Amino acid sequence: MLKVSLNHLPTIASIILYILSFYCLSNCLKTAPIGVAYAIWSALGIVLVTIVGIIAFKQTPDWAAILGLLLIIIGVGVLNLFSKMSLH
């Protein structure tokens, strides 16, 4: 029987979540252009990691970090609203 210690659980969870995220991204690529899908995927990852840092590690983003996050979010919004990228 395979023994898994509590020290291995974060690694196992990370691997499972990476597989799940790539699966979800591949499903999005069936209907969205790769540039748009990857922009959303990347921006969402950056924002969520920042939120985890704030909550779990008590990190406080400075004005430059907040501005950068807002520019990323605005950029994805502009890409989705105004881009004429065609589907496959």
PDB file of N, CA and C in Angstrom:
ATOM      1  N   MET A   1       0.840  -1.185   0.000  1.00  0.00           N
ATOM      2  CA  MET A   1       0.000   0.000   0.000  1.00  0.00           C
ATOM      3  C   MET A   1       0.880   1.240   0.000  1.00  0.00           C
ATOM      4  N   LEU A   2       0.493   2.222  -0.763  1.00  0.00           N
ATOM      5  CA  LEU A   2       1.235   3.469  -0.879  1.00  0.00           C
ATOM      6  C   LEU A   2       0.926   4.367   0.311  1.00  0.00           C
ATOM      7  N   LYS A   3       1.997   4.775   1.016  1.00  0.00           N
ATOM      8  CA  LYS A   3       1.818   5.666   2.153  1.00  0.00           C
ATOM      9  C   LYS A   3       2.060   7.100   1.706  1.00  0.00           C
ATOM     10  N   VAL A   4       1.128   7.968   2.023  1.00  0.00           N
ATOM     11  CA  VAL A   4       1.265   9.383   1.701  1.00  0.00           C
ATOM     12  C   VAL A   4       1.267  10.153   3.010  1.00  0.00           C
ATOM     13  N   SER A   5       2.363  10.861   3.242  1.00  0.00           N
ATOM     14  CA  SER A   5       2.420  11.652   4.464  1.00  0.00           C
ATOM     15  C   SER A   5       1.752  12.996   4.230  1.00  0.00           C
ATOM     16  N   LEU A   6       1.479  13.703   5.300  1.00  0.00           N
ATOM     17  CA  LEU A   6       0.866  15.022   5.192  1.00  0.00           C
ATOM     18  C   LEU A   6       1.782  16.004   4.468  1.00  0.00           C
ATOM     19  N   ASN A   7       3.080  15.751   4.482  1.00  0.00           N
ATOM     20  CA  ASN A   7       4.018  16.622   3.782  1.00  0.00           C
ATOM     21  C   ASN A   7       3.854  16.552   2.271  1.00  0.00           C
ATOM     22  N   HIS A   8       3.315  15.449   1.768  1.00  0.00           N
ATOM     23  CA  HIS A   8       3.151  15.273   0.327  1.00  0.00           C
ATOM     24  C   HIS A   8       1.822  15.825  -0.190  1.00  0.00           C
ATOM     25  N   LEU A   9       0.882  16.126   0.694  1.00  0.00           N
ATOM     26  CA  LEU A   9      -0.443  16.559   0.254  1.00  0.00           C
ATOM     27  C   LEU A   9      -0.415  17.854  -0.573  1.00  0.00           C
ATOM     28  N   PRO A  10       0.346  18.878  -0.201  1.00  0.00           N
ATOM     29  CA  PRO A  10       0.377  20.078  -1.053  1.00  0.00           C
ATOM     30  C   PRO A  10       0.906  19.783  -2.462  1.00  0.00           C
ATOM     31  N   THR A  11       1.900  18.922  -2.568  1.00  0.00           N
ATOM     32  CA  THR A  11       2.444  18.566  -3.876  1.00  0.00           C
ATOM     33  C   THR A  11       1.409  17.816  -4.702  1.00  0.00           C
ATOM     34  N   ILE A  12       0.754  16.873  -4.098  1.00  0.00           N
ATOM     35  CA  ILE A  12      -0.276  16.096  -4.798  1.00  0.00           C
ATOM     36  C   ILE A  12      -1.424  17.002  -5.221  1.00  0.00           C
ATOM     37  N   ALA A  13      -1.849  17.897  -4.331  1.00  0.00           N
ATOM     38  CA  ALA A  13      -2.929  18.821  -4.654  1.00  0.00           C
ATOM     39  C   ALA A  13      -2.519  19.737  -5.809  1.00  0.00           C
ATOM     40  N   SER A  14      -1.278  20.213  -5.807  1.00  0.00           N
ATOM     41  CA  SER A  14      -0.797  21.087  -6.880  1.00  0.00           C
ATOM     42  C   SER A  14      -0.819  20.368  -8.219  1.00  0.00           C
ATOM     43  N   ILE A  15      -0.359  19.134  -8.245  1.00  0.00           N
ATOM     44  CA  ILE A  15      -0.344  18.357  -9.484  1.00  0.00           C
ATOM     45  C   ILE A  15      -1.756  18.150 -10.009  1.00  0.00           C
ATOM     46  N   ILE A  16      -2.673  17.792  -9.132  1.00  0.00           N
ATOM     47  CA  ILE A  16      -4.067  17.571  -9.535  1.00  0.00           C
ATOM     48  C   ILE A  16      -4.684  18.862 -10.059  1.00  0.00           C
ATOM     49  N   LEU A  17      -4.420  19.972  -9.375  1.00  0.00           N
ATOM     50  CA  LEU A  17      -4.994  21.248  -9.798  1.00  0.00           C
ATOM     51  C   LEU A  17      -4.381  21.747 -11.106  1.00  0.00           C
ATOM     52  N   TYR A  18      -3.097  21.488 -11.328  1.00  0.00           N
ATOM     53  CA  TYR A  18      -2.486  21.839 -12.617  1.00  0.00           C
ATOM     54  C   TYR A  18      -3.130  21.057 -13.757  1.00  0.00           C
ATOM     55  N   ILE A  19      -3.326  19.770 -13.551  1.00  0.00           N
ATOM     56  CA  ILE A  19      -3.978  18.946 -14.573  1.00  0.00           C
ATOM     57  C   ILE A  19      -5.387  19.455 -14.843  1.00  0.00           C
ATOM     58  N   LEU A  20      -6.116  19.774 -13.779  1.00  0.00           N
ATOM     59  CA  LEU A  20      -7.473  20.291 -13.929  1.00  0.00           C
ATOM     60  C   LEU A  20      -7.484  21.636 -14.667  1.00  0.00           C
ATOM     61  N   SER A  21      -6.531  22.512 -14.349  1.00  0.00           N
ATOM     62  CA  SER A  21      -6.504  23.819 -15.009  1.00  0.00           C
ATOM     63  C   SER A  21      -6.178  23.693 -16.495  1.00  0.00           C
ATOM     64  N   PHE A  22      -5.246  22.809 -16.853  1.00  0.00           N
ATOM     65  CA  PHE A  22      -4.952  22.608 -18.270  1.00  0.00           C
ATOM     66  C   PHE A  22      -6.125  21.962 -19.003  1.00  0.00           C
ATOM     67  N   TYR A  23      -6.843  21.088 -18.336  1.00  0.00           N
ATOM     68  CA  TYR A  23      -8.040  20.499 -18.932  1.00  0.00           C
ATOM     69  C   TYR A  23      -9.088  21.581 -19.205  1.00  0.00           C
ATOM     70  N   CYS A  24      -9.295  22.458 -18.221  1.00  0.00           N
ATOM     71  CA  CYS A  24     -10.262  23.547 -18.402  1.00  0.00           C
ATOM     72  C   CYS A  24      -9.816  24.499 -19.513  1.00  0.00           C
ATOM     73  N   LEU A  25      -8.524  24.799 -19.569  1.00  0.00           N
ATOM     74  CA  LEU A  25      -8.014  25.666 -20.633  1.00  0.00           C
ATOM     75  C   LEU A  25      -8.224  25.017 -22.001  1.00  0.00           C
ATOM     76  N   SER A  26      -7.977  23.725 -22.104  1.00  0.00           N
ATOM     77  CA  SER A  26      -8.166  23.055 -23.394  1.00  0.00           C
ATOM     78  C   SER A  26      -9.627  23.066 -23.809  1.00  0.00           C
ATOM     79  N   ASN A  27     -10.540  22.990 -22.863  1.00  0.00           N
ATOM     80  CA  ASN A  27     -11.963  23.085 -23.203  1.00  0.00           C
ATOM     81  C   ASN A  27     -12.324  24.490 -23.676  1.00  0.00           C
ATOM     82  N   CYS A  28     -11.728  25.506 -23.060  1.00  0.00           N
ATOM     83  CA  CYS A  28     -11.986  26.887 -23.492  1.00  0.00           C
ATOM     84  C   CYS A  28     -11.494  27.126 -24.904  1.00  0.00           C
ATOM     85  N   LEU A  29     -10.415  26.458 -25.276  1.00  0.00           N
ATOM     86  CA  LEU A  29      -9.844  26.671 -26.610  1.00  0.00           C
ATOM     87  C   LEU A  29     -10.731  26.132 -27.720  1.00  0.00           C
ATOM     88  N   LYS A  30     -11.756  25.365 -27.362  1.00  0.00           N
ATOM     89  CA  LYS A  30     -12.690  24.876 -28.372  1.00  0.00           C
ATOM     90  C   LYS A  30     -13.578  26.000 -28.884  1.00  0.00           C
ATOM     91  N   THR A  31     -13.764  27.050 -28.079  1.00  0.00           N
ATOM     92  CA  THR A  31     -14.664  28.130 -28.480  1.00  0.00           C
ATOM     93  C   THR A  31     -14.010  29.511 -28.499  1.00  0.00           C
ATOM     94  N   ALA A  32     -12.871  29.674 -27.869  1.00  0.00           N
ATOM     95  CA  ALA A  32     -12.229  30.992 -27.794  1.00  0.00           C
ATOM     96  C   ALA A  32     -10.869  30.952 -28.482  1.00  0.00           C
ATOM     97  N   PRO A  33     -10.451  32.075 -29.051  1.00  0.00           N
ATOM     98  CA  PRO A  33      -9.111  32.138 -29.627  1.00  0.00           C
ATOM     99  C   PRO A  33      -8.049  31.944 -28.539  1.00  0.00           C
ATOM    100  N   ILE A  34      -6.924  31.376 -28.916  1.00  0.00           N
ATOM    101  CA  ILE A  34      -5.898  31.051 -27.928  1.00  0.00           C
ATOM    102  C   ILE A  34      -5.373  32.297 -27.214  1.00  0.00           C
ATOM    103  N   GLY A  35      -5.253  33.410 -27.916  1.00  0.00           N
ATOM    104  CA  GLY A  35      -4.757  34.630 -27.285  1.00  0.00           C
ATOM    105  C   GLY A  35      -5.679  35.127 -26.189  1.00  0.00           C
ATOM    106  N   VAL A  36      -6.960  35.116 -26.464  1.00  0.00           N
ATOM    107  CA  VAL A  36      -7.947  35.565 -25.485  1.00  0.00           C
ATOM    108  C   VAL A  36      -8.005  34.599 -24.303  1.00  0.00           C
ATOM    109  N   ALA A  37      -8.060  33.311 -24.592  1.00  0.00           N
ATOM    110  CA  ALA A  37      -8.147  32.311 -23.528  1.00  0.00           C
ATOM    111  C   ALA A  37      -6.919  32.360 -22.625  1.00  0.00           C
ATOM    112  N   TYR A  38      -5.741  32.475 -23.213  1.00  0.00           N
ATOM    113  CA  TYR A  38      -4.522  32.506 -22.411  1.00  0.00           C
ATOM    114  C   TYR A  38      -4.418  33.802 -21.615  1.00  0.00           C
ATOM    115  N   ALA A  39      -4.866  34.906 -22.185  1.00  0.00           N
ATOM    116  CA  ALA A  39      -4.847  36.169 -21.450  1.00  0.00           C
ATOM    117  C   ALA A  39      -5.731  36.093 -20.211  1.00  0.00           C
ATOM    118  N   ILE A  40      -6.915  35.539 -20.360  1.00  0.00           N
ATOM    119  CA  ILE A  40      -7.821  35.395 -19.222  1.00  0.00           C
ATOM    120  C   ILE A  40      -7.227  34.441 -18.200  1.00  0.00           C
ATOM    121  N   TRP A  41      -6.691  33.317 -18.659  1.00  0.00           N
ATOM    122  CA  TRP A  41      -6.125  32.313 -17.774  1.00  0.00           C
ATOM    123  C   TRP A  41      -4.951  32.888 -16.980  1.00  0.00           C
ATOM    124  N   SER A  42      -4.086  33.610 -17.643  1.00  0.00           N
ATOM    125  CA  SER A  42      -2.919  34.202 -16.983  1.00  0.00           C
ATOM    126  C   SER A  42      -3.327  35.278 -15.987  1.00  0.00           C
ATOM    127  N   ALA A  43      -4.215  36.173 -16.414  1.00  0.00           N
ATOM    128  CA  ALA A  43      -4.653  37.258 -15.534  1.00  0.00           C
ATOM    129  C   ALA A  43      -5.356  36.711 -14.301  1.00  0.00           C
ATOM    130  N   LEU A  44      -6.195  35.721 -14.496  1.00  0.00           N
ATOM    131  CA  LEU A  44      -6.895  35.124 -13.363  1.00  0.00           C
ATOM    132  C   LEU A  44      -5.902  34.494 -12.392  1.00  0.00           C
ATOM    133  N   GLY A  45      -4.892  33.827 -12.911  1.00  0.00           N
ATOM    134  CA  GLY A  45      -3.873  33.223 -12.056  1.00  0.00           C
ATOM    135  C   GLY A  45      -3.111  34.267 -11.256  1.00  0.00           C
ATOM    136  N   ILE A  46      -2.732  35.371 -11.904  1.00  0.00           N
ATOM    137  CA  ILE A  46      -1.991  36.426 -11.214  1.00  0.00           C
ATOM    138  C   ILE A  46      -2.835  37.049 -10.105  1.00  0.00           C
ATOM    139  N   VAL A  47      -4.083  37.354 -10.399  1.00  0.00           N
ATOM    140  CA  VAL A  47      -4.955  37.980  -9.412  1.00  0.00           C
ATOM    141  C   VAL A  47      -5.229  37.019  -8.256  1.00  0.00           C
ATOM    142  N   LEU A  48      -5.499  35.758  -8.546  1.00  0.00           N
ATOM    143  CA  LEU A  48      -5.788  34.801  -7.471  1.00  0.00           C
ATOM    144  C   LEU A  48      -4.577  34.543  -6.585  1.00  0.00           C
ATOM    145  N   VAL A  49      -3.394  34.476  -7.172  1.00  0.00           N
ATOM    146  CA  VAL A  49      -2.184  34.286  -6.367  1.00  0.00           C
ATOM    147  C   VAL A  49      -1.954  35.504  -5.476  1.00  0.00           C
ATOM    148  N   THR A  50      -2.234  36.679  -5.985  1.00  0.00           N
ATOM    149  CA  THR A  50      -2.109  37.890  -5.170  1.00  0.00           C
ATOM    150  C   THR A  50      -3.091  37.862  -4.003  1.00  0.00           C
ATOM    151  N   ILE A  51      -4.313  37.448  -4.260  1.00  0.00           N
ATOM    152  CA  ILE A  51      -5.318  37.354  -3.192  1.00  0.00           C
ATOM    153  C   ILE A  51      -4.896  36.332  -2.143  1.00  0.00           C
ATOM    154  N   VAL A  52      -4.367  35.195  -2.583  1.00  0.00           N
ATOM    155  CA  VAL A  52      -3.869  34.192  -1.632  1.00  0.00           C
ATOM    156  C   VAL A  52      -2.736  34.773  -0.794  1.00  0.00           C
ATOM    157  N   GLY A  53      -1.835  35.528  -1.425  1.00  0.00           N
ATOM    158  CA  GLY A  53      -0.743  36.159  -0.692  1.00  0.00           C
ATOM    159  C   GLY A  53      -1.244  37.129   0.360  1.00  0.00           C
ATOM    160  N   ILE A  54      -2.290  37.876   0.024  1.00  0.00           N
ATOM    161  CA  ILE A  54      -2.870  38.826   0.972  1.00  0.00           C
ATOM    162  C   ILE A  54      -3.508  38.098   2.150  1.00  0.00           C
ATOM    163  N   ILE A  55      -4.277  37.057   1.858  1.00  0.00           N
ATOM    164  CA  ILE A  55      -5.016  36.346   2.909  1.00  0.00           C
ATOM    165  C   ILE A  55      -4.109  35.416   3.716  1.00  0.00           C
ATOM    166  N   ALA A  56      -3.354  34.577   3.030  1.00  0.00           N
ATOM    167  CA  ALA A  56      -2.591  33.532   3.728  1.00  0.00           C
ATOM    168  C   ALA A  56      -1.289  34.036   4.316  1.00  0.00           C
ATOM    169  N   PHE A  57      -0.640  34.987   3.660  1.00  0.00           N
ATOM    170  CA  PHE A  57       0.685  35.411   4.100  1.00  0.00           C
ATOM    171  C   PHE A  57       0.719  36.851   4.599  1.00  0.00           C
ATOM    172  N   LYS A  58      -0.464  37.462   4.701  1.00  0.00           N
ATOM    173  CA  LYS A  58      -0.589  38.830   5.222  1.00  0.00           C
ATOM    174  C   LYS A  58       0.267  39.831   4.450  1.00  0.00           C
ATOM    175  N   GLN A  59       0.430  39.596   3.137  1.00  0.00           N
ATOM    176  CA  GLN A  59       1.176  40.530   2.301  1.00  0.00           C
ATOM    177  C   GLN A  59       0.285  41.718   1.962  1.00  0.00           C
ATOM    178  N   THR A  60       0.888  42.879   1.912  1.00  0.00           N
ATOM    179  CA  THR A  60       0.147  44.082   1.571  1.00  0.00           C
ATOM    180  C   THR A  60       0.680  44.629   0.251  1.00  0.00           C
ATOM    181  N   PRO A  61      -0.135  44.602  -0.799  1.00  0.00           N
ATOM    182  CA  PRO A  61       0.340  45.126  -2.077  1.00  0.00           C
ATOM    183  C   PRO A  61       0.476  46.648  -2.023  1.00  0.00           C
ATOM    184  N   ASP A  62       1.551  47.168  -2.603  1.00  0.00           N
ATOM    185  CA  ASP A  62       1.729  48.613  -2.656  1.00  0.00           C
ATOM    186  C   ASP A  62       0.981  49.164  -3.871  1.00  0.00           C
ATOM    187  N   TRP A  63       1.075  50.472  -4.086  1.00  0.00           N
ATOM    188  CA  TRP A  63       0.316  51.103  -5.167  1.00  0.00           C
ATOM    189  C   TRP A  63       0.740  50.576  -6.533  1.00  0.00           C
ATOM    190  N   ALA A  64       2.042  50.268  -6.681  1.00  0.00           N
ATOM    191  CA  ALA A  64       2.520  49.766  -7.969  1.00  0.00           C
ATOM    192  C   ALA A  64       1.929  48.386  -8.266  1.00  0.00           C
ATOM    193  N   ALA A  65       1.824  47.535  -7.257  1.00  0.00           N
ATOM    194  CA  ALA A  65       1.234  46.206  -7.450  1.00  0.00           C
ATOM    195  C   ALA A  65      -0.248  46.318  -7.792  1.00  0.00           C
ATOM    196  N   ILE A  66      -0.943  47.188  -7.096  1.00  0.00           N
ATOM    197  CA  ILE A  66      -2.373  47.380  -7.361  1.00  0.00           C
ATOM    198  C   ILE A  66      -2.573  47.934  -8.769  1.00  0.00           C
ATOM    199  N   LEU A  67      -1.757  48.916  -9.148  1.00  0.00           N
ATOM    200  CA  LEU A  67      -1.849  49.478 -10.497  1.00  0.00           C
ATOM    201  C   LEU A  67      -1.562  48.413 -11.556  1.00  0.00           C
ATOM    202  N   GLY A  68      -0.547  47.599 -11.320  1.00  0.00           N
ATOM    203  CA  GLY A  68      -0.219  46.531 -12.260  1.00  0.00           C
ATOM    204  C   GLY A  68      -1.357  45.540 -12.415  1.00  0.00           C
ATOM    205  N   LEU A  69      -1.969  45.154 -11.298  1.00  0.00           N
ATOM    206  CA  LEU A  69      -3.101  44.223 -11.366  1.00  0.00           C
ATOM    207  C   LEU A  69      -4.279  44.843 -12.113  1.00  0.00           C
ATOM    208  N   LEU A  70      -4.533  46.125 -11.851  1.00  0.00           N
ATOM    209  CA  LEU A  70      -5.628  46.797 -12.561  1.00  0.00           C
ATOM    210  C   LEU A  70      -5.360  46.876 -14.063  1.00  0.00           C
ATOM    211  N   LEU A  71      -4.108  47.145 -14.441  1.00  0.00           N
ATOM    212  CA  LEU A  71      -3.769  47.199 -15.864  1.00  0.00           C
ATOM    213  C   LEU A  71      -3.935  45.836 -16.534  1.00  0.00           C
ATOM    214  N   ILE A  72      -3.586  44.769 -15.812  1.00  0.00           N
ATOM    215  CA  ILE A  72      -3.784  43.423 -16.352  1.00  0.00           C
ATOM    216  C   ILE A  72      -5.265  43.153 -16.573  1.00  0.00           C
ATOM    217  N   ILE A  73      -6.086  43.476 -15.586  1.00  0.00           N
ATOM    218  CA  ILE A  73      -7.523  43.247 -15.685  1.00  0.00           C
ATOM    219  C   ILE A  73      -8.123  44.098 -16.805  1.00  0.00           C
ATOM    220  N   ILE A  74      -7.707  45.364 -16.881  1.00  0.00           N
ATOM    221  CA  ILE A  74      -8.200  46.238 -17.948  1.00  0.00           C
ATOM    222  C   ILE A  74      -7.765  45.714 -19.319  1.00  0.00           C
ATOM    223  N   GLY A  75      -6.528  45.244 -19.412  1.00  0.00           N
ATOM    224  CA  GLY A  75      -6.039  44.708 -20.682  1.00  0.00           C
ATOM    225  C   GLY A  75      -6.834  43.510 -21.152  1.00  0.00           C
ATOM    226  N   VAL A  76      -7.173  42.622 -20.250  1.00  0.00           N
ATOM    227  CA  VAL A  76      -7.988  41.459 -20.626  1.00  0.00           C
ATOM    228  C   VAL A  76      -9.384  41.920 -21.033  1.00  0.00           C
ATOM    229  N   GLY A  77      -9.920  42.905 -20.318  1.00  0.00           N
ATOM    230  CA  GLY A  77     -11.233  43.440 -20.687  1.00  0.00           C
ATOM    231  C   GLY A  77     -11.227  44.053 -22.074  1.00  0.00           C
ATOM    232  N   VAL A  78     -10.205  44.841 -22.388  1.00  0.00           N
ATOM    233  CA  VAL A  78     -10.087  45.445 -23.718  1.00  0.00           C
ATOM    234  C   VAL A  78      -9.960  44.362 -24.781  1.00  0.00           C
ATOM    235  N   LEU A  79      -9.159  43.356 -24.506  1.00  0.00           N
ATOM    236  CA  LEU A  79      -8.991  42.258 -25.458  1.00  0.00           C
ATOM    237  C   LEU A  79     -10.320  41.566 -25.734  1.00  0.00           C
ATOM    238  N   ASN A  80     -11.094  41.323 -24.696  1.00  0.00           N
ATOM    239  CA  ASN A  80     -12.378  40.641 -24.873  1.00  0.00           C
ATOM    240  C   ASN A  80     -13.425  41.518 -25.540  1.00  0.00           C
ATOM    241  N   LEU A  81     -13.454  42.798 -25.210  1.00  0.00           N
ATOM    242  CA  LEU A  81     -14.505  43.672 -25.716  1.00  0.00           C
ATOM    243  C   LEU A  81     -14.243  44.199 -27.125  1.00  0.00           C
ATOM    244  N   PHE A  82     -12.986  44.495 -27.429  1.00  0.00           N
ATOM    245  CA  PHE A  82     -12.708  45.203 -28.668  1.00  0.00           C
ATOM    246  C   PHE A  82     -11.891  44.432 -29.699  1.00  0.00           C
ATOM    247  N   SER A  83     -11.375  43.289 -29.331  1.00  0.00           N
ATOM    248  CA  SER A  83     -10.550  42.531 -30.270  1.00  0.00           C
ATOM    249  C   SER A  83     -11.413  41.861 -31.322  1.00  0.00           C
ATOM    250  N   LYS A  84     -10.904  41.850 -32.521  1.00  0.00           N
ATOM    251  CA  LYS A  84     -11.594  41.183 -33.631  1.00  0.00           C
ATOM    252  C   LYS A  84     -10.920  39.863 -33.986  1.00  0.00           C
ATOM    253  N   MET A  85     -10.250  39.258 -33.024  1.00  0.00           N
ATOM    254  CA  MET A  85      -9.563  37.985 -33.291  1.00  0.00           C
ATOM    255  C   MET A  85     -10.611  36.946 -33.673  1.00  0.00           C
ATOM    256  N   SER A  86     -10.342  36.240 -34.734  1.00  0.00           N
ATOM    257  CA  SER A  86     -11.301  35.247 -35.202  1.00  0.00           C
ATOM    258  C   SER A  86     -11.071  33.915 -34.488  1.00  0.00           C
ATOM    259  N   LEU A  87     -12.109  33.121 -34.492  1.00  0.00           N
ATOM    260  CA  LEU A  87     -11.973  31.772 -33.951  1.00  0.00           C
ATOM    261  C   LEU A  87     -11.186  30.935 -34.931  1.00  0.00           C
ATOM    262  N   HIS A  88     -10.641  29.865 -34.485  1.00  0.00           N
ATOM    263  CA  HIS A  88      -9.775  28.958 -35.246  1.00  0.00           C
ATOM    264  C   HIS A  88     -10.077  29.117 -36.690  1.00  0.00           C
TER     265      HIS A  88
END
